[in-house]
Amino acid sequence: VRALLPPLIVQLAQKLPINNKLDDMNLVNSANQDLKEAIHDVQNQSNQNLYEENIEIQTPIITNQNQENNNETPKEKEKVNDAQHDQSQNQNEITKVHHQPYQRNPTFELVRFCAIYTIFSRDSNTLVRKACAESLISLCDTLGYSNRLVTILPIADLLLTDQSEIVRSVMLRNLGPLISSLGSKLANVSLVQKYCSTLVSKDVSISYPAAFAFPAVTIALG
């Protein structure tokens, strides 16, 4: 099921009303910091969801314990009720901290999507990483210069050296269109060298897509 999420994230990002035509290098450091904070926030939210699931699992156990304690004296029951009330207040305070409402703006949502996509690119499931490799070009077309620099390039380098041959093959087949989308400013020497190697690959499933994308790559690189 997680393998369906990367392309879904790209589709949601494409619907955000954001002007991504700004190519300001001053935005790179800000975008990098925003991405790190978003990744940290997403991971914390995931841990909070696991905590809430554990609370739901433990609820029947607590209920059974309360039924067993019906035979207690009134004073003992009062102490138990006070303890449960304090525990409930503490839990409410924790919930307020982790569920603070945030201002939903397109820029924040886009950075959050990039953070989730980055986490998926490191997923332990091969199919999830393969889905990231397949939809990376679409995400690249959606992002602006700074977000491409801090999101697309690290993910591309990571997937090109993935432990799974399937993921690496998908990335090599899509390397031409990816370089074309990145343009001459972002397509580094490493990506171009790997693309050139795909042109002479003995694997037709890799060399043919590379040759098909050659005119677009040439125009993009100037």
N, C-alpha and C. Protein backbone atom coordinates (compact mmCIF):
# COMPACT_ATOMS: atom_id res chain seq x y z
N VAL A 1 0.83 -1.20 0.00
CA VAL A 1 0.00 0.00 0.00
C VAL A 1 0.87 1.26 0.00
N ARG A 2 2.00 1.24 0.73
CA ARG A 2 2.86 2.43 0.79
C ARG A 2 3.42 2.79 -0.58
N ALA A 3 3.53 1.81 -1.46
CA ALA A 3 4.07 2.07 -2.80
C ALA A 3 3.16 2.98 -3.61
N LEU A 4 1.89 3.11 -3.22
CA LEU A 4 0.95 3.99 -3.92
C LEU A 4 1.07 5.44 -3.46
N LEU A 5 1.76 5.66 -2.35
CA LEU A 5 1.79 7.00 -1.76
C LEU A 5 2.71 7.99 -2.48
N PRO A 6 3.93 7.60 -2.91
CA PRO A 6 4.79 8.59 -3.59
C PRO A 6 4.14 9.28 -4.78
N PRO A 7 3.54 8.54 -5.74
CA PRO A 7 2.87 9.26 -6.84
C PRO A 7 1.68 10.09 -6.39
N LEU A 8 1.01 9.65 -5.33
CA LEU A 8 -0.11 10.43 -4.78
C LEU A 8 0.38 11.74 -4.22
N ILE A 9 1.53 11.71 -3.54
CA ILE A 9 2.11 12.93 -2.99
C ILE A 9 2.45 13.91 -4.12
N VAL A 10 2.97 13.39 -5.22
CA VAL A 10 3.30 14.24 -6.37
C VAL A 10 2.04 14.90 -6.92
N GLN A 11 0.97 14.14 -7.03
CA GLN A 11 -0.28 14.69 -7.54
C GLN A 11 -0.82 15.81 -6.64
N LEU A 12 -0.71 15.60 -5.33
CA LEU A 12 -1.16 16.63 -4.39
C LEU A 12 -0.29 17.88 -4.49
N ALA A 13 1.02 17.67 -4.64
CA ALA A 13 1.94 18.81 -4.76
C ALA A 13 1.67 19.61 -6.03
N GLN A 14 1.28 18.92 -7.10
CA GLN A 14 1.01 19.60 -8.36
C GLN A 14 -0.22 20.51 -8.27
N LYS A 15 -1.11 20.24 -7.33
CA LYS A 15 -2.34 21.04 -7.21
C LYS A 15 -2.16 22.26 -6.33
N LEU A 16 -0.99 22.40 -5.70
CA LEU A 16 -0.77 23.55 -4.83
C LEU A 16 -0.53 24.81 -5.67
N PRO A 17 -1.18 25.92 -5.32
CA PRO A 17 -1.02 27.17 -6.08
C PRO A 17 0.24 27.92 -5.66
N ILE A 18 1.38 27.45 -6.18
CA ILE A 18 2.66 28.05 -5.79
C ILE A 18 3.41 28.49 -7.03
N ASN A 19 4.05 29.65 -6.94
CA ASN A 19 4.91 30.12 -8.01
C ASN A 19 6.30 29.57 -7.80
N ASN A 20 6.70 28.61 -8.64
CA ASN A 20 8.00 27.96 -8.49
C ASN A 20 9.01 28.46 -9.52
N LYS A 21 8.80 29.63 -10.03
CA LYS A 21 9.69 30.15 -11.05
C LYS A 21 10.87 30.94 -10.47
N LEU A 22 10.91 31.09 -9.16
CA LEU A 22 11.99 31.86 -8.54
C LEU A 22 13.27 31.04 -8.48
N ASP A 23 14.34 31.54 -9.04
CA ASP A 23 15.63 30.85 -9.05
C ASP A 23 16.62 31.65 -8.20
N ASP A 24 16.29 31.86 -6.96
CA ASP A 24 17.10 32.68 -6.06
C ASP A 24 17.94 31.77 -5.17
N MET A 25 19.25 31.90 -5.26
CA MET A 25 20.14 31.08 -4.44
C MET A 25 19.96 31.37 -2.96
N ASN A 26 19.48 32.57 -2.62
CA ASN A 26 19.28 32.90 -1.22
C ASN A 26 18.20 32.04 -0.57
N LEU A 27 17.35 31.42 -1.40
CA LEU A 27 16.27 30.59 -0.87
C LEU A 27 16.73 29.16 -0.57
N VAL A 28 17.94 28.80 -1.00
CA VAL A 28 18.39 27.42 -0.86
C VAL A 28 18.56 27.04 0.60
N ASN A 29 19.26 27.87 1.37
CA ASN A 29 19.48 27.56 2.78
C ASN A 29 18.17 27.50 3.54
N SER A 30 17.26 28.40 3.22
CA SER A 30 15.95 28.40 3.86
C SER A 30 15.18 27.13 3.52
N ALA A 31 15.21 26.73 2.25
CA ALA A 31 14.50 25.52 1.82
C ALA A 31 15.10 24.28 2.47
N ASN A 32 16.42 24.26 2.61
CA ASN A 32 17.09 23.13 3.24
C ASN A 32 16.70 23.00 4.70
N GLN A 33 16.65 24.14 5.41
CA GLN A 33 16.26 24.13 6.81
C GLN A 33 14.80 23.74 6.97
N ASP A 34 13.95 24.25 6.08
CA ASP A 34 12.52 23.91 6.13
C ASP A 34 12.31 22.42 5.91
N LEU A 35 13.09 21.84 4.99
CA LEU A 35 12.95 20.41 4.70
C LEU A 35 13.35 19.58 5.90
N LYS A 36 14.46 19.95 6.56
CA LYS A 36 14.90 19.21 7.74
C LYS A 36 13.86 19.27 8.86
N GLU A 37 13.31 20.46 9.07
CA GLU A 37 12.29 20.61 10.12
C GLU A 37 11.03 19.82 9.77
N ALA A 38 10.67 19.80 8.50
CA ALA A 38 9.48 19.06 8.09
C ALA A 38 9.67 17.55 8.26
N ILE A 39 10.86 17.05 7.92
CA ILE A 39 11.15 15.63 8.12
C ILE A 39 11.06 15.27 9.59
N HIS A 40 11.65 16.13 10.44
CA HIS A 40 11.59 15.91 11.88
C HIS A 40 10.15 15.92 12.38
N ASP A 41 9.35 16.84 11.86
CA ASP A 41 7.95 16.96 12.27
C ASP A 41 7.15 15.74 11.85
N VAL A 42 7.38 15.26 10.61
CA VAL A 42 6.66 14.08 10.11
C VAL A 42 7.01 12.85 10.93
N GLN A 43 8.30 12.70 11.26
CA GLN A 43 8.72 11.55 12.06
C GLN A 43 8.13 11.59 13.46
N ASN A 44 8.07 12.79 14.05
CA ASN A 44 7.46 12.94 15.38
C ASN A 44 5.98 12.63 15.34
N GLN A 45 5.31 13.06 14.26
CA GLN A 45 3.88 12.79 14.12
C GLN A 45 3.63 11.30 13.99
N SER A 46 4.53 10.61 13.27
CA SER A 46 4.40 9.16 13.12
C SER A 46 4.55 8.46 14.46
N ASN A 47 5.52 8.92 15.26
CA ASN A 47 5.71 8.33 16.59
C ASN A 47 4.49 8.59 17.48
N GLN A 48 3.89 9.79 17.35
CA GLN A 48 2.70 10.12 18.14
C GLN A 48 1.54 9.21 17.76
N ASN A 49 1.39 8.92 16.46
CA ASN A 49 0.31 8.03 16.02
C ASN A 49 0.48 6.63 16.60
N LEU A 50 1.74 6.16 16.65
CA LEU A 50 2.00 4.85 17.25
C LEU A 50 1.65 4.86 18.73
N TYR A 51 1.95 5.99 19.41
CA TYR A 51 1.64 6.11 20.83
C TYR A 51 0.13 6.06 21.06
N GLU A 52 -0.62 6.75 20.20
CA GLU A 52 -2.08 6.76 20.35
C GLU A 52 -2.67 5.38 20.08
N GLU A 53 -2.06 4.62 19.14
CA GLU A 53 -2.53 3.27 18.89
C GLU A 53 -2.30 2.39 20.11
N ASN A 54 -1.17 2.58 20.78
CA ASN A 54 -0.90 1.80 21.99
C ASN A 54 -1.90 2.14 23.09
N ILE A 55 -2.28 3.42 23.18
CA ILE A 55 -3.27 3.83 24.17
C ILE A 55 -4.60 3.13 23.91
N GLU A 56 -5.00 3.04 22.63
CA GLU A 56 -6.25 2.38 22.27
C GLU A 56 -6.20 0.90 22.60
N ILE A 57 -5.04 0.29 22.41
CA ILE A 57 -4.90 -1.14 22.71
C ILE A 57 -4.99 -1.39 24.20
N GLN A 58 -4.44 -0.46 25.00
CA GLN A 58 -4.40 -0.64 26.44
C GLN A 58 -5.73 -0.30 27.11
N THR A 59 -6.61 0.40 26.40
CA THR A 59 -7.88 0.83 26.99
C THR A 59 -8.73 -0.33 27.49
N PRO A 60 -8.91 -1.44 26.71
CA PRO A 60 -9.70 -2.56 27.24
C PRO A 60 -9.10 -3.17 28.49
N ILE A 61 -7.76 -3.18 28.55
CA ILE A 61 -7.11 -3.74 29.74
C ILE A 61 -7.43 -2.90 30.96
N ILE A 62 -7.39 -1.56 30.79
CA ILE A 62 -7.69 -0.66 31.90
C ILE A 62 -9.14 -0.83 32.33
N THR A 63 -10.03 -1.02 31.35
CA THR A 63 -11.46 -1.21 31.65
C THR A 63 -11.67 -2.46 32.48
N ASN A 64 -10.99 -3.53 32.11
CA ASN A 64 -11.12 -4.78 32.87
C ASN A 64 -10.60 -4.62 34.28
N GLN A 65 -9.52 -3.85 34.41
CA GLN A 65 -8.98 -3.62 35.74
C GLN A 65 -9.96 -2.82 36.59
N ASN A 66 -10.65 -1.86 35.97
CA ASN A 66 -11.63 -1.06 36.71
C ASN A 66 -12.80 -1.92 37.18
N GLN A 67 -13.19 -2.90 36.36
CA GLN A 67 -14.28 -3.78 36.76
C GLN A 67 -13.88 -4.65 37.93
N GLU A 68 -12.62 -5.05 37.95
CA GLU A 68 -12.14 -5.87 39.05
C GLU A 68 -12.05 -5.08 40.34
N ASN A 69 -11.91 -3.74 40.20
CA ASN A 69 -11.75 -2.90 41.38
C ASN A 69 -13.07 -2.37 41.93
N ASN A 70 -14.19 -2.89 41.43
CA ASN A 70 -15.50 -2.43 41.90
C ASN A 70 -15.76 -2.81 43.36
N ASN A 71 -15.03 -3.81 43.84
CA ASN A 71 -15.23 -4.28 45.21
C ASN A 71 -14.41 -3.48 46.22
N GLU A 72 -13.72 -2.41 45.76
CA GLU A 72 -12.89 -1.63 46.68
C GLU A 72 -13.77 -0.76 47.57
N THR A 73 -13.18 -0.28 48.66
CA THR A 73 -13.89 0.60 49.59
C THR A 73 -14.05 1.98 48.97
N PRO A 74 -14.98 2.80 49.48
CA PRO A 74 -15.20 4.15 48.91
C PRO A 74 -13.94 5.00 48.92
N LYS A 75 -13.15 4.93 50.00
CA LYS A 75 -11.93 5.73 50.06
C LYS A 75 -10.93 5.30 48.99
N GLU A 76 -10.82 3.96 48.81
CA GLU A 76 -9.89 3.47 47.78
C GLU A 76 -10.36 3.87 46.39
N LYS A 77 -11.68 3.83 46.17
CA LYS A 77 -12.21 4.25 44.88
C LYS A 77 -11.94 5.73 44.63
N GLU A 78 -12.04 6.54 45.69
CA GLU A 78 -11.80 7.97 45.53
C GLU A 78 -10.35 8.24 45.14
N LYS A 79 -9.42 7.50 45.76
CA LYS A 79 -8.00 7.66 45.42
C LYS A 79 -7.75 7.27 43.97
N VAL A 80 -8.38 6.16 43.55
CA VAL A 80 -8.20 5.71 42.17
C VAL A 80 -8.76 6.72 41.19
N ASN A 81 -9.93 7.29 41.50
CA ASN A 81 -10.54 8.28 40.61
C ASN A 81 -9.68 9.54 40.49
N ASP A 82 -9.10 9.97 41.63
CA ASP A 82 -8.23 11.14 41.60
C ASP A 82 -7.01 10.89 40.74
N ALA A 83 -6.43 9.68 40.86
CA ALA A 83 -5.24 9.34 40.07
C ALA A 83 -5.58 9.30 38.58
N GLN A 84 -6.75 8.73 38.25
CA GLN A 84 -7.16 8.67 36.85
C GLN A 84 -7.45 10.06 36.29
N HIS A 85 -8.00 10.95 37.14
CA HIS A 85 -8.28 12.32 36.70
C HIS A 85 -6.98 13.06 36.38
N ASP A 86 -5.97 12.91 37.26
CA ASP A 86 -4.67 13.54 37.02
C ASP A 86 -4.03 13.00 35.75
N GLN A 87 -4.14 11.68 35.56
CA GLN A 87 -3.56 11.07 34.37
C GLN A 87 -4.25 11.58 33.10
N SER A 88 -5.58 11.77 33.19
CA SER A 88 -6.33 12.27 32.04
C SER A 88 -5.93 13.70 31.70
N GLN A 89 -5.71 14.53 32.72
CA GLN A 89 -5.28 15.91 32.48
C GLN A 89 -3.91 15.96 31.83
N ASN A 90 -2.99 15.10 32.31
CA ASN A 90 -1.66 15.06 31.72
C ASN A 90 -1.72 14.63 30.26
N GLN A 91 -2.58 13.64 29.98
CA GLN A 91 -2.71 13.16 28.61
C GLN A 91 -3.28 14.25 27.69
N ASN A 92 -4.22 15.04 28.22
CA ASN A 92 -4.79 16.13 27.43
C ASN A 92 -3.74 17.18 27.11
N GLU A 93 -2.85 17.46 28.07
CA GLU A 93 -1.79 18.43 27.84
C GLU A 93 -0.83 17.93 26.77
N ILE A 94 -0.49 16.62 26.82
CA ILE A 94 0.40 16.04 25.80
C ILE A 94 -0.24 16.12 24.43
N THR A 95 -1.54 15.82 24.36
CA THR A 95 -2.25 15.84 23.08
C THR A 95 -2.26 17.25 22.50
N LYS A 96 -2.45 18.28 23.35
CA LYS A 96 -2.46 19.64 22.86
C LYS A 96 -1.10 20.02 22.28
N VAL A 97 -0.02 19.53 22.88
CA VAL A 97 1.32 19.86 22.39
C VAL A 97 1.55 19.25 21.02
N HIS A 98 1.12 18.00 20.85
CA HIS A 98 1.41 17.29 19.60
C HIS A 98 0.40 17.61 18.50
N HIS A 99 -0.71 18.22 18.86
CA HIS A 99 -1.73 18.49 17.86
C HIS A 99 -2.04 19.98 17.77
N GLN A 100 -1.02 20.79 17.90
CA GLN A 100 -1.22 22.22 17.76
C GLN A 100 -1.59 22.55 16.31
N PRO A 101 -2.63 23.32 16.11
CA PRO A 101 -3.00 23.67 14.74
C PRO A 101 -1.94 24.56 14.10
N TYR A 102 -1.64 24.30 12.84
CA TYR A 102 -0.67 25.11 12.14
C TYR A 102 -1.36 25.77 10.95
N GLN A 103 -0.78 26.86 10.53
CA GLN A 103 -1.36 27.59 9.41
C GLN A 103 -1.09 26.84 8.11
N ARG A 104 -2.13 26.45 7.43
CA ARG A 104 -1.99 25.71 6.18
C ARG A 104 -1.76 26.72 5.05
N ASN A 105 -0.55 26.77 4.56
CA ASN A 105 -0.26 27.58 3.40
C ASN A 105 0.44 26.71 2.37
N PRO A 106 0.33 27.04 1.10
CA PRO A 106 0.87 26.17 0.04
C PRO A 106 2.35 25.88 0.18
N THR A 107 3.13 26.89 0.58
CA THR A 107 4.57 26.68 0.69
C THR A 107 4.90 25.66 1.77
N PHE A 108 4.21 25.77 2.92
CA PHE A 108 4.44 24.81 4.00
C PHE A 108 4.03 23.41 3.58
N GLU A 109 2.88 23.31 2.91
CA GLU A 109 2.40 22.00 2.48
C GLU A 109 3.37 21.37 1.49
N LEU A 110 3.94 22.17 0.59
CA LEU A 110 4.87 21.64 -0.40
C LEU A 110 6.13 21.11 0.28
N VAL A 111 6.64 21.84 1.25
CA VAL A 111 7.83 21.38 1.99
C VAL A 111 7.51 20.09 2.75
N ARG A 112 6.31 20.01 3.28
CA ARG A 112 5.90 18.81 4.00
C ARG A 112 5.81 17.61 3.06
N PHE A 113 5.28 17.83 1.87
CA PHE A 113 5.23 16.76 0.87
C PHE A 113 6.64 16.29 0.51
N CYS A 114 7.56 17.25 0.36
CA CYS A 114 8.95 16.90 0.04
C CYS A 114 9.57 16.08 1.16
N ALA A 115 9.25 16.43 2.40
CA ALA A 115 9.78 15.69 3.55
C ALA A 115 9.26 14.26 3.55
N ILE A 116 7.97 14.09 3.32
CA ILE A 116 7.39 12.74 3.29
C ILE A 116 7.99 11.93 2.14
N TYR A 117 8.16 12.58 0.99
CA TYR A 117 8.74 11.91 -0.17
C TYR A 117 10.18 11.48 0.12
N THR A 118 10.93 12.34 0.80
CA THR A 118 12.31 12.01 1.16
C THR A 118 12.35 10.79 2.08
N ILE A 119 11.42 10.73 3.03
CA ILE A 119 11.36 9.58 3.94
C ILE A 119 11.03 8.31 3.16
N PHE A 120 10.10 8.41 2.20
CA PHE A 120 9.74 7.24 1.39
C PHE A 120 10.92 6.77 0.54
N SER A 121 11.76 7.69 0.09
CA SER A 121 12.92 7.30 -0.73
C SER A 121 13.94 6.49 0.08
N ARG A 122 13.81 6.51 1.40
CA ARG A 122 14.71 5.74 2.28
C ARG A 122 13.99 4.55 2.89
N ASP A 123 12.79 4.27 2.40
CA ASP A 123 11.97 3.20 2.97
C ASP A 123 12.66 1.85 2.81
N SER A 124 12.37 0.94 3.75
CA SER A 124 12.96 -0.39 3.69
C SER A 124 12.34 -1.27 2.61
N ASN A 125 11.15 -0.90 2.15
CA ASN A 125 10.44 -1.66 1.13
C ASN A 125 10.93 -1.25 -0.26
N THR A 126 11.36 -2.23 -1.06
CA THR A 126 11.89 -1.96 -2.40
C THR A 126 10.84 -1.32 -3.30
N LEU A 127 9.59 -1.76 -3.19
CA LEU A 127 8.53 -1.24 -4.05
C LEU A 127 8.27 0.24 -3.79
N VAL A 128 8.42 0.66 -2.53
CA VAL A 128 8.22 2.07 -2.20
C VAL A 128 9.32 2.91 -2.83
N ARG A 129 10.56 2.47 -2.72
CA ARG A 129 11.67 3.20 -3.32
C ARG A 129 11.55 3.20 -4.85
N LYS A 130 11.07 2.10 -5.41
CA LYS A 130 10.86 2.03 -6.86
C LYS A 130 9.80 3.03 -7.29
N ALA A 131 8.74 3.17 -6.51
CA ALA A 131 7.70 4.15 -6.81
C ALA A 131 8.26 5.57 -6.75
N CYS A 132 9.16 5.83 -5.82
CA CYS A 132 9.81 7.15 -5.74
C CYS A 132 10.64 7.41 -6.99
N ALA A 133 11.37 6.38 -7.45
CA ALA A 133 12.19 6.53 -8.64
C ALA A 133 11.34 6.79 -9.88
N GLU A 134 10.17 6.18 -9.93
CA GLU A 134 9.29 6.33 -11.10
C GLU A 134 8.62 7.70 -11.15
N SER A 135 8.36 8.29 -10.00
CA SER A 135 7.62 9.56 -9.96
C SER A 135 8.51 10.77 -9.66
N LEU A 136 9.82 10.56 -9.61
CA LEU A 136 10.74 11.63 -9.24
C LEU A 136 10.72 12.76 -10.27
N ILE A 137 10.59 12.43 -11.54
CA ILE A 137 10.59 13.46 -12.59
C ILE A 137 9.37 14.37 -12.44
N SER A 138 8.23 13.78 -12.16
CA SER A 138 7.01 14.59 -11.99
C SER A 138 7.15 15.54 -10.80
N LEU A 139 7.76 15.04 -9.72
CA LEU A 139 7.98 15.91 -8.56
C LEU A 139 8.96 17.02 -8.91
N CYS A 140 9.98 16.69 -9.68
CA CYS A 140 10.98 17.69 -10.09
C CYS A 140 10.33 18.80 -10.90
N ASP A 141 9.42 18.44 -11.80
CA ASP A 141 8.74 19.45 -12.61
C ASP A 141 7.87 20.37 -11.76
N THR A 142 7.44 19.87 -10.59
CA THR A 142 6.56 20.65 -9.72
C THR A 142 7.32 21.65 -8.87
N LEU A 143 8.56 21.35 -8.52
CA LEU A 143 9.31 22.15 -7.56
C LEU A 143 10.08 23.28 -8.24
N GLY A 144 10.42 24.27 -7.42
CA GLY A 144 11.26 25.36 -7.88
C GLY A 144 12.73 25.04 -7.69
N TYR A 145 13.58 26.03 -8.00
CA TYR A 145 15.03 25.80 -8.01
C TYR A 145 15.55 25.34 -6.66
N SER A 146 15.22 26.07 -5.60
CA SER A 146 15.79 25.76 -4.28
C SER A 146 15.33 24.39 -3.78
N ASN A 147 14.04 24.07 -3.97
CA ASN A 147 13.53 22.78 -3.51
C ASN A 147 14.08 21.63 -4.35
N ARG A 148 14.33 21.87 -5.62
CA ARG A 148 14.98 20.84 -6.44
C ARG A 148 16.39 20.54 -5.92
N LEU A 149 17.08 21.61 -5.55
CA LEU A 149 18.46 21.46 -5.11
C LEU A 149 18.55 20.67 -3.81
N VAL A 150 17.64 20.93 -2.88
CA VAL A 150 17.72 20.29 -1.56
C VAL A 150 16.92 19.00 -1.47
N THR A 151 16.06 18.75 -2.45
CA THR A 151 15.21 17.55 -2.39
C THR A 151 15.53 16.56 -3.51
N ILE A 152 15.44 17.01 -4.77
CA ILE A 152 15.56 16.11 -5.92
C ILE A 152 16.97 15.54 -6.05
N LEU A 153 17.98 16.38 -5.99
CA LEU A 153 19.35 15.90 -6.20
C LEU A 153 19.78 14.86 -5.16
N PRO A 154 19.55 15.10 -3.85
CA PRO A 154 19.91 14.05 -2.87
C PRO A 154 19.15 12.74 -3.08
N ILE A 155 17.86 12.83 -3.42
CA ILE A 155 17.08 11.62 -3.65
C ILE A 155 17.59 10.89 -4.88
N ALA A 156 17.91 11.62 -5.95
CA ALA A 156 18.42 11.00 -7.16
C ALA A 156 19.74 10.27 -6.89
N ASP A 157 20.65 10.92 -6.18
CA ASP A 157 21.92 10.28 -5.85
C ASP A 157 21.71 9.04 -5.00
N LEU A 158 20.74 9.12 -4.08
CA LEU A 158 20.47 7.98 -3.19
C LEU A 158 19.91 6.80 -3.97
N LEU A 159 18.95 7.05 -4.85
CA LEU A 159 18.30 5.97 -5.59
C LEU A 159 19.21 5.40 -6.68
N LEU A 160 20.12 6.20 -7.21
CA LEU A 160 21.06 5.69 -8.21
C LEU A 160 22.06 4.71 -7.61
N THR A 161 22.25 4.77 -6.31
CA THR A 161 23.16 3.84 -5.61
C THR A 161 22.38 2.90 -4.70
N ASP A 162 21.10 2.71 -5.00
CA ASP A 162 20.25 1.86 -4.18
C ASP A 162 20.74 0.42 -4.20
N GLN A 163 20.48 -0.29 -3.11
CA GLN A 163 20.90 -1.69 -3.02
C GLN A 163 20.12 -2.61 -3.95
N SER A 164 18.95 -2.17 -4.39
CA SER A 164 18.12 -2.98 -5.27
C SER A 164 18.41 -2.64 -6.73
N GLU A 165 18.66 -3.65 -7.54
CA GLU A 165 18.92 -3.44 -8.96
C GLU A 165 17.69 -2.89 -9.68
N ILE A 166 16.52 -3.27 -9.20
CA ILE A 166 15.28 -2.78 -9.82
C ILE A 166 15.18 -1.27 -9.68
N VAL A 167 15.46 -0.75 -8.50
CA VAL A 167 15.40 0.69 -8.26
C VAL A 167 16.45 1.41 -9.09
N ARG A 168 17.65 0.87 -9.12
CA ARG A 168 18.73 1.49 -9.91
C ARG A 168 18.37 1.52 -11.39
N SER A 169 17.77 0.45 -11.89
CA SER A 169 17.41 0.39 -13.31
C SER A 169 16.36 1.43 -13.66
N VAL A 170 15.38 1.60 -12.78
CA VAL A 170 14.34 2.62 -13.02
C VAL A 170 14.97 4.00 -13.06
N MET A 171 15.88 4.27 -12.16
CA MET A 171 16.53 5.58 -12.13
C MET A 171 17.38 5.81 -13.38
N LEU A 172 18.08 4.79 -13.83
CA LEU A 172 18.91 4.93 -15.03
C LEU A 172 18.05 5.17 -16.27
N ARG A 173 16.90 4.51 -16.34
CA ARG A 173 16.00 4.71 -17.49
C ARG A 173 15.42 6.13 -17.49
N ASN A 174 15.23 6.69 -16.29
CA ASN A 174 14.63 8.02 -16.18
C ASN A 174 15.66 9.13 -16.05
N LEU A 175 16.92 8.80 -16.18
CA LEU A 175 17.97 9.79 -15.95
C LEU A 175 17.95 10.90 -17.01
N GLY A 176 17.68 10.53 -18.26
CA GLY A 176 17.61 11.53 -19.33
C GLY A 176 16.52 12.57 -19.08
N PRO A 177 15.27 12.14 -18.89
CA PRO A 177 14.21 13.11 -18.58
C PRO A 177 14.47 13.91 -17.31
N LEU A 178 15.12 13.29 -16.32
CA LEU A 178 15.42 14.00 -15.08
C LEU A 178 16.41 15.13 -15.32
N ILE A 179 17.46 14.85 -16.10
CA ILE A 179 18.44 15.89 -16.42
C ILE A 179 17.79 17.00 -17.23
N SER A 180 16.90 16.61 -18.14
CA SER A 180 16.18 17.60 -18.94
C SER A 180 15.33 18.50 -18.06
N SER A 181 14.71 17.93 -17.03
CA SER A 181 13.88 18.71 -16.11
C SER A 181 14.73 19.61 -15.21
N LEU A 182 15.88 19.10 -14.78
CA LEU A 182 16.76 19.88 -13.89
C LEU A 182 17.38 21.07 -14.61
N GLY A 183 17.78 20.86 -15.86
CA GLY A 183 18.42 21.94 -16.61
C GLY A 183 19.91 22.03 -16.32
N SER A 184 20.55 22.94 -17.01
CA SER A 184 22.02 23.04 -16.92
C SER A 184 22.49 23.55 -15.57
N LYS A 185 21.65 24.30 -14.84
CA LYS A 185 22.07 24.85 -13.55
C LYS A 185 22.16 23.79 -12.46
N LEU A 186 21.34 22.76 -12.55
CA LEU A 186 21.28 21.76 -11.48
C LEU A 186 21.82 20.39 -11.88
N ALA A 187 21.89 20.12 -13.16
CA ALA A 187 22.41 18.82 -13.61
C ALA A 187 23.92 18.80 -13.41
N ASN A 188 24.37 18.14 -12.34
CA ASN A 188 25.79 18.15 -12.03
C ASN A 188 26.56 17.15 -12.90
N VAL A 189 27.86 17.19 -12.77
CA VAL A 189 28.74 16.36 -13.60
C VAL A 189 28.47 14.88 -13.37
N SER A 190 28.21 14.50 -12.13
CA SER A 190 27.97 13.10 -11.80
C SER A 190 26.76 12.55 -12.54
N LEU A 191 25.68 13.30 -12.56
CA LEU A 191 24.46 12.85 -13.25
C LEU A 191 24.71 12.74 -14.75
N VAL A 192 25.41 13.72 -15.32
CA VAL A 192 25.67 13.70 -16.77
C VAL A 192 26.57 12.52 -17.14
N GLN A 193 27.55 12.23 -16.31
CA GLN A 193 28.43 11.09 -16.58
C GLN A 193 27.68 9.77 -16.54
N LYS A 194 26.80 9.64 -15.55
CA LYS A 194 26.00 8.42 -15.47
C LYS A 194 25.05 8.30 -16.65
N TYR A 195 24.53 9.45 -17.11
CA TYR A 195 23.65 9.41 -18.27
C TYR A 195 24.42 8.98 -19.51
N CYS A 196 25.63 9.50 -19.67
CA CYS A 196 26.46 9.10 -20.83
C CYS A 196 26.76 7.61 -20.82
N SER A 197 26.95 7.07 -19.62
CA SER A 197 27.21 5.63 -19.53
C SER A 197 25.99 4.80 -19.93
N THR A 198 24.78 5.36 -19.69
CA THR A 198 23.58 4.62 -20.09
C THR A 198 23.42 4.57 -21.61
N LEU A 199 24.00 5.55 -22.32
CA LEU A 199 23.89 5.57 -23.77
C LEU A 199 24.61 4.38 -24.42
N VAL A 200 25.65 3.90 -23.76
CA VAL A 200 26.44 2.79 -24.31
C VAL A 200 26.21 1.51 -23.52
N SER A 201 25.14 1.49 -22.73
CA SER A 201 24.84 0.29 -21.94
C SER A 201 24.43 -0.87 -22.86
N LYS A 202 24.81 -2.07 -22.49
CA LYS A 202 24.44 -3.26 -23.25
C LYS A 202 22.99 -3.66 -22.97
N ASP A 203 22.42 -3.12 -21.91
CA ASP A 203 21.04 -3.39 -21.58
C ASP A 203 20.14 -2.47 -22.41
N VAL A 204 19.41 -3.07 -23.35
CA VAL A 204 18.57 -2.28 -24.25
C VAL A 204 17.49 -1.50 -23.50
N SER A 205 17.00 -2.07 -22.39
CA SER A 205 15.96 -1.39 -21.62
C SER A 205 16.46 -0.11 -20.98
N ILE A 206 17.78 0.06 -20.91
CA ILE A 206 18.37 1.28 -20.35
C ILE A 206 18.90 2.19 -21.46
N SER A 207 19.58 1.62 -22.46
CA SER A 207 20.19 2.42 -23.52
C SER A 207 19.15 3.05 -24.45
N TYR A 208 18.04 2.33 -24.72
CA TYR A 208 17.03 2.88 -25.63
C TYR A 208 16.34 4.11 -25.03
N PRO A 209 15.86 4.08 -23.77
CA PRO A 209 15.28 5.30 -23.20
C PRO A 209 16.29 6.45 -23.13
N ALA A 210 17.58 6.11 -22.89
CA ALA A 210 18.60 7.15 -22.83
C ALA A 210 18.77 7.81 -24.20
N ALA A 211 18.79 7.00 -25.27
CA ALA A 211 18.92 7.55 -26.62
C ALA A 211 17.69 8.36 -27.01
N PHE A 212 16.53 7.90 -26.58
CA PHE A 212 15.29 8.62 -26.90
C PHE A 212 15.28 9.99 -26.25
N ALA A 213 15.87 10.11 -25.05
CA ALA A 213 15.87 11.38 -24.33
C ALA A 213 17.06 12.27 -24.70
N PHE A 214 17.94 11.79 -25.59
CA PHE A 214 19.16 12.53 -25.91
C PHE A 214 18.89 13.95 -26.43
N PRO A 215 17.96 14.16 -27.36
CA PRO A 215 17.73 15.54 -27.83
C PRO A 215 17.30 16.48 -26.71
N ALA A 216 16.42 16.01 -25.83
CA ALA A 216 15.97 16.87 -24.72
C ALA A 216 17.11 17.19 -23.77
N VAL A 217 17.97 16.20 -23.52
CA VAL A 217 19.12 16.42 -22.64
C VAL A 217 20.07 17.44 -23.26
N THR A 218 20.30 17.30 -24.55
CA THR A 218 21.20 18.23 -25.26
C THR A 218 20.69 19.66 -25.18
N ILE A 219 19.39 19.83 -25.38
CA ILE A 219 18.81 21.19 -25.31
C ILE A 219 18.88 21.73 -23.89
N ALA A 220 18.63 20.88 -22.91
CA ALA A 220 18.65 21.33 -21.50
C ALA A 220 20.04 21.75 -21.06
N LEU A 221 21.04 21.01 -21.51
CA LEU A 221 22.42 21.31 -21.10
C LEU A 221 23.05 22.43 -21.95
N GLY A 222 22.42 22.72 -23.07
CA GLY A 222 22.92 23.81 -23.93
C GLY A 222 24.15 23.38 -24.70
